Amino acid sequence: MKIYTKAGDEGKTSLIGGTRVPKSHIRIESYGTVDELNSFVGLVSDMCGNAEIRKVLNEVQDRLFTVGSHLACDPDKESAIQIPDLTEIDITNLEKEIDTMNAVLEPMRSFILPVGHSAISMTHVARCVCRRAERWCVNLQEENLFVEPIVIKYLNRLSDYLFVLARYIGHLNGVADMPWKARV
């Protein structure tokens, strides 16, 4: 199988279901940003140096492929392929991870800067990309283009998880949060 098809040379691509849309279409932006997020999550996994975190992040990457598949479908056409489900259990699992990490972290007393260790900073980059993916999905919804509500909920919770994970990676590496001190 060739990796190039030349079908996109005119600036269009196909959704699952066959509908051709411009590569600048909001639906393409949404799942393209999820794909970007998945790559950053992989980088965090490679950088974190912790097997338990890697296991969770591998699950997150799997769910992000599910999210991307849902977003890549033409909601007006029946898909010939089986798209995996995203469930409330996926969200509950993130919440459990957040609670477990938060139990060992010092309470936050100020905004913190995304610095201190390359894995911390990269996790914050992933968090920011996650928020952008969430905004694109909300934009789909606002434009009356179908997006499953659980997709938005999952991305919202994932960004929370990534924020706490960045702090937890700092904790594991003996790096304290760097508080933001506003100029006066």
Protein backbone atom coordinates (compact mmCIF):
# COMPACT_ATOMS: atom_id res chain seq x y z
CA MET A 1 0.00 0.00 0.00
CA LYS A 2 1.35 3.40 -0.95
CA ILE A 3 1.31 6.09 1.70
CA TYR A 4 0.44 8.76 -0.84
CA THR A 5 -2.82 8.69 -2.77
CA LYS A 6 -2.70 12.14 -4.39
CA ALA A 7 -6.41 12.45 -3.50
CA GLY A 8 -5.67 15.47 -1.32
CA ASP A 9 -3.57 17.37 -3.82
CA GLU A 10 -6.45 19.77 -4.51
CA GLY A 11 -6.83 20.68 -0.81
CA LYS A 12 -9.70 18.33 0.01
CA THR A 13 -9.92 15.18 2.10
CA SER A 14 -12.53 12.55 2.89
CA LEU A 15 -14.38 12.02 6.13
CA ILE A 16 -15.23 8.50 7.23
CA GLY A 17 -18.32 7.93 5.12
CA GLY A 18 -16.76 9.36 1.96
CA THR A 19 -17.84 13.00 2.10
CA ARG A 20 -15.15 15.29 0.64
CA VAL A 21 -14.44 18.49 2.56
CA PRO A 22 -11.73 21.19 2.42
CA LYS A 23 -8.71 20.40 4.56
CA SER A 24 -9.43 23.66 6.37
CA HIS A 25 -12.89 22.41 7.48
CA ILE A 26 -13.60 22.78 11.19
CA ARG A 27 -14.07 19.00 11.51
CA ILE A 28 -10.59 18.42 10.07
CA GLU A 29 -9.17 21.03 12.47
CA SER A 30 -10.81 19.24 15.39
CA TYR A 31 -9.48 15.76 14.71
CA GLY A 32 -6.17 17.12 13.43
CA THR A 33 -5.69 18.83 16.79
CA VAL A 34 -6.57 15.58 18.57
CA ASP A 35 -3.91 13.86 16.45
CA GLU A 36 -1.40 16.55 17.45
CA LEU A 37 -2.40 16.05 21.09
CA ASN A 38 -1.86 12.31 20.76
CA SER A 39 1.68 12.92 19.53
CA PHE A 40 2.43 15.24 22.46
CA VAL A 41 0.99 12.69 24.90
CA GLY A 42 3.37 10.14 23.37
CA LEU A 43 6.26 12.54 23.93
CA VAL A 44 5.22 13.04 27.57
CA SER A 45 5.09 9.26 27.96
CA ASP A 46 8.59 8.93 26.53
CA MET A 47 9.93 11.72 28.78
CA CYS A 48 8.26 10.95 32.11
CA GLY A 49 10.41 7.96 33.12
CA ASN A 50 7.61 6.28 35.08
CA ALA A 51 6.02 2.96 34.08
CA GLU A 52 2.70 3.63 35.85
CA ILE A 53 2.29 6.99 34.13
CA ARG A 54 3.21 5.42 30.79
CA LYS A 55 0.48 2.81 31.25
CA VAL A 56 -2.15 5.51 31.84
CA LEU A 57 -0.86 7.60 28.93
CA ASN A 58 -1.00 4.57 26.61
CA GLU A 59 -4.69 4.24 27.51
CA VAL A 60 -5.15 7.96 26.90
CA GLN A 61 -3.56 7.60 23.46
CA ASP A 62 -5.95 4.78 22.66
CA ARG A 63 -8.92 6.94 23.72
CA LEU A 64 -7.59 9.83 21.61
CA PHE A 65 -7.67 7.57 18.54
CA THR A 66 -11.29 6.84 19.47
CA VAL A 67 -12.03 10.57 19.82
CA GLY A 68 -10.36 11.27 16.47
CA SER A 69 -12.37 8.50 14.81
CA HIS A 70 -15.63 9.96 16.10
CA LEU A 71 -14.68 13.43 14.88
CA ALA A 72 -13.58 12.11 11.47
CA CYS A 73 -16.99 10.58 10.75
CA ASP A 74 -19.55 12.28 8.59
CA PRO A 75 -22.47 12.46 11.05
CA ASP A 76 -24.95 12.39 8.15
CA LYS A 77 -23.72 9.05 6.78
CA GLU A 78 -23.59 5.57 8.20
CA SER A 79 -20.01 4.39 8.67
CA ALA A 80 -19.00 1.10 7.07
CA ILE A 81 -16.40 0.62 9.80
CA GLN A 82 -16.99 0.00 13.50
CA ILE A 83 -15.94 3.05 15.56
CA PRO A 84 -15.01 2.23 19.18
CA ASP A 85 -17.02 3.77 21.99
CA LEU A 86 -15.91 6.44 24.42
CA THR A 87 -17.66 5.90 27.75
CA GLU A 88 -18.20 7.54 31.13
CA ILE A 89 -15.80 4.93 32.54
CA ASP A 90 -13.01 6.57 30.52
CA ILE A 91 -13.78 9.87 32.26
CA THR A 92 -14.08 8.22 35.67
CA ASN A 93 -10.67 6.59 35.17
CA LEU A 94 -9.10 10.01 34.54
CA GLU A 95 -10.80 11.39 37.64
CA LYS A 96 -9.42 8.52 39.75
CA GLU A 97 -5.92 9.22 38.43
CA ILE A 98 -6.32 12.92 39.21
CA ASP A 99 -7.48 12.16 42.75
CA THR A 100 -4.62 9.71 43.35
CA MET A 101 -1.99 12.22 42.21
CA ASN A 102 -3.60 15.14 44.05
CA ALA A 103 -3.49 13.16 47.30
CA VAL A 104 0.32 13.51 47.42
CA LEU A 105 0.63 17.04 46.02
CA GLU A 106 0.83 20.23 48.04
CA PRO A 107 -2.29 22.39 47.65
CA MET A 108 -1.87 25.15 45.08
CA ARG A 109 -1.73 28.65 46.49
CA SER A 110 -1.14 30.54 43.25
CA PHE A 111 -0.95 30.14 39.51
CA ILE A 112 2.11 28.16 38.51
CA LEU A 113 4.51 28.52 35.62
CA PRO A 114 4.99 25.56 33.25
CA VAL A 115 8.70 25.12 34.03
CA GLY A 116 11.17 23.13 36.12
CA HIS A 117 11.81 19.97 34.11
CA SER A 118 11.41 19.13 30.43
CA ALA A 119 8.73 16.52 31.19
CA ILE A 120 6.77 19.10 33.22
CA SER A 121 6.91 21.68 30.44
CA MET A 122 6.01 19.12 27.77
CA THR A 123 3.01 17.96 29.81
CA HIS A 124 1.81 21.57 29.93
CA VAL A 125 2.22 21.80 26.14
CA ALA A 126 0.04 18.68 25.83
CA ARG A 127 -2.50 20.29 28.18
CA CYS A 128 -2.64 23.41 26.02
CA VAL A 129 -3.12 21.37 22.84
CA CYS A 130 -5.86 19.43 24.64
CA ARG A 131 -7.65 22.68 25.46
CA ARG A 132 -7.37 23.74 21.80
CA ALA A 133 -8.87 20.41 20.70
CA GLU A 134 -11.70 20.98 23.16
CA ARG A 135 -12.29 24.49 21.78
CA TRP A 136 -12.47 23.13 18.22
CA CYS A 137 -15.06 20.57 19.34
CA VAL A 138 -17.10 23.25 21.09
CA ASN A 139 -16.83 25.29 17.90
CA LEU A 140 -18.26 22.33 15.96
CA GLN A 141 -21.14 22.22 18.38
CA GLU A 142 -21.73 25.97 18.12
CA GLU A 143 -21.81 25.69 14.32
CA ASN A 144 -24.48 22.97 14.63
CA LEU A 145 -22.07 20.33 13.36
CA PHE A 146 -22.55 17.16 15.35
CA VAL A 147 -20.02 16.21 18.01
CA GLU A 148 -20.82 13.71 20.72
CA PRO A 149 -21.04 15.53 24.08
CA ILE A 150 -18.88 12.86 25.72
CA VAL A 151 -16.00 13.87 23.43
CA ILE A 152 -16.02 17.39 24.84
CA LYS A 153 -16.38 16.07 28.38
CA TYR A 154 -13.45 13.67 27.90
CA LEU A 155 -11.17 16.38 26.50
CA ASN A 156 -12.11 18.70 29.36
CA ARG A 157 -11.23 16.06 31.94
CA LEU A 158 -8.07 15.07 30.07
CA SER A 159 -6.77 18.63 30.24
CA ASP A 160 -7.38 18.58 34.01
CA TYR A 161 -5.51 15.28 34.21
CA LEU A 162 -2.57 16.69 32.23
CA PHE A 163 -2.36 19.73 34.52
CA VAL A 164 -2.21 17.55 37.63
CA LEU A 165 0.16 15.14 35.87
CA ALA A 166 2.60 17.99 35.21
CA ARG A 167 2.62 18.81 38.92
CA TYR A 168 2.92 15.11 39.82
CA ILE A 169 5.91 14.66 37.50
CA GLY A 170 7.50 17.57 39.32
CA HIS A 171 6.77 15.87 42.64
CA LEU A 172 8.36 12.61 41.45
CA ASN A 173 11.44 14.51 40.28
CA GLY A 174 11.78 16.69 43.38
CA VAL A 175 10.88 19.85 41.46
CA ALA A 176 8.62 22.28 43.30
CA ASP A 177 5.89 24.24 41.55
CA MET A 178 7.17 27.60 40.32
CA PRO A 179 4.58 30.18 41.45
CA TRP A 180 3.70 33.01 39.12
CA LYS A 181 4.42 36.35 40.74
CA ALA A 182 2.67 39.22 39.02
CA ARG A 183 4.60 42.42 38.51
CA VAL A 184 3.31 45.27 40.59
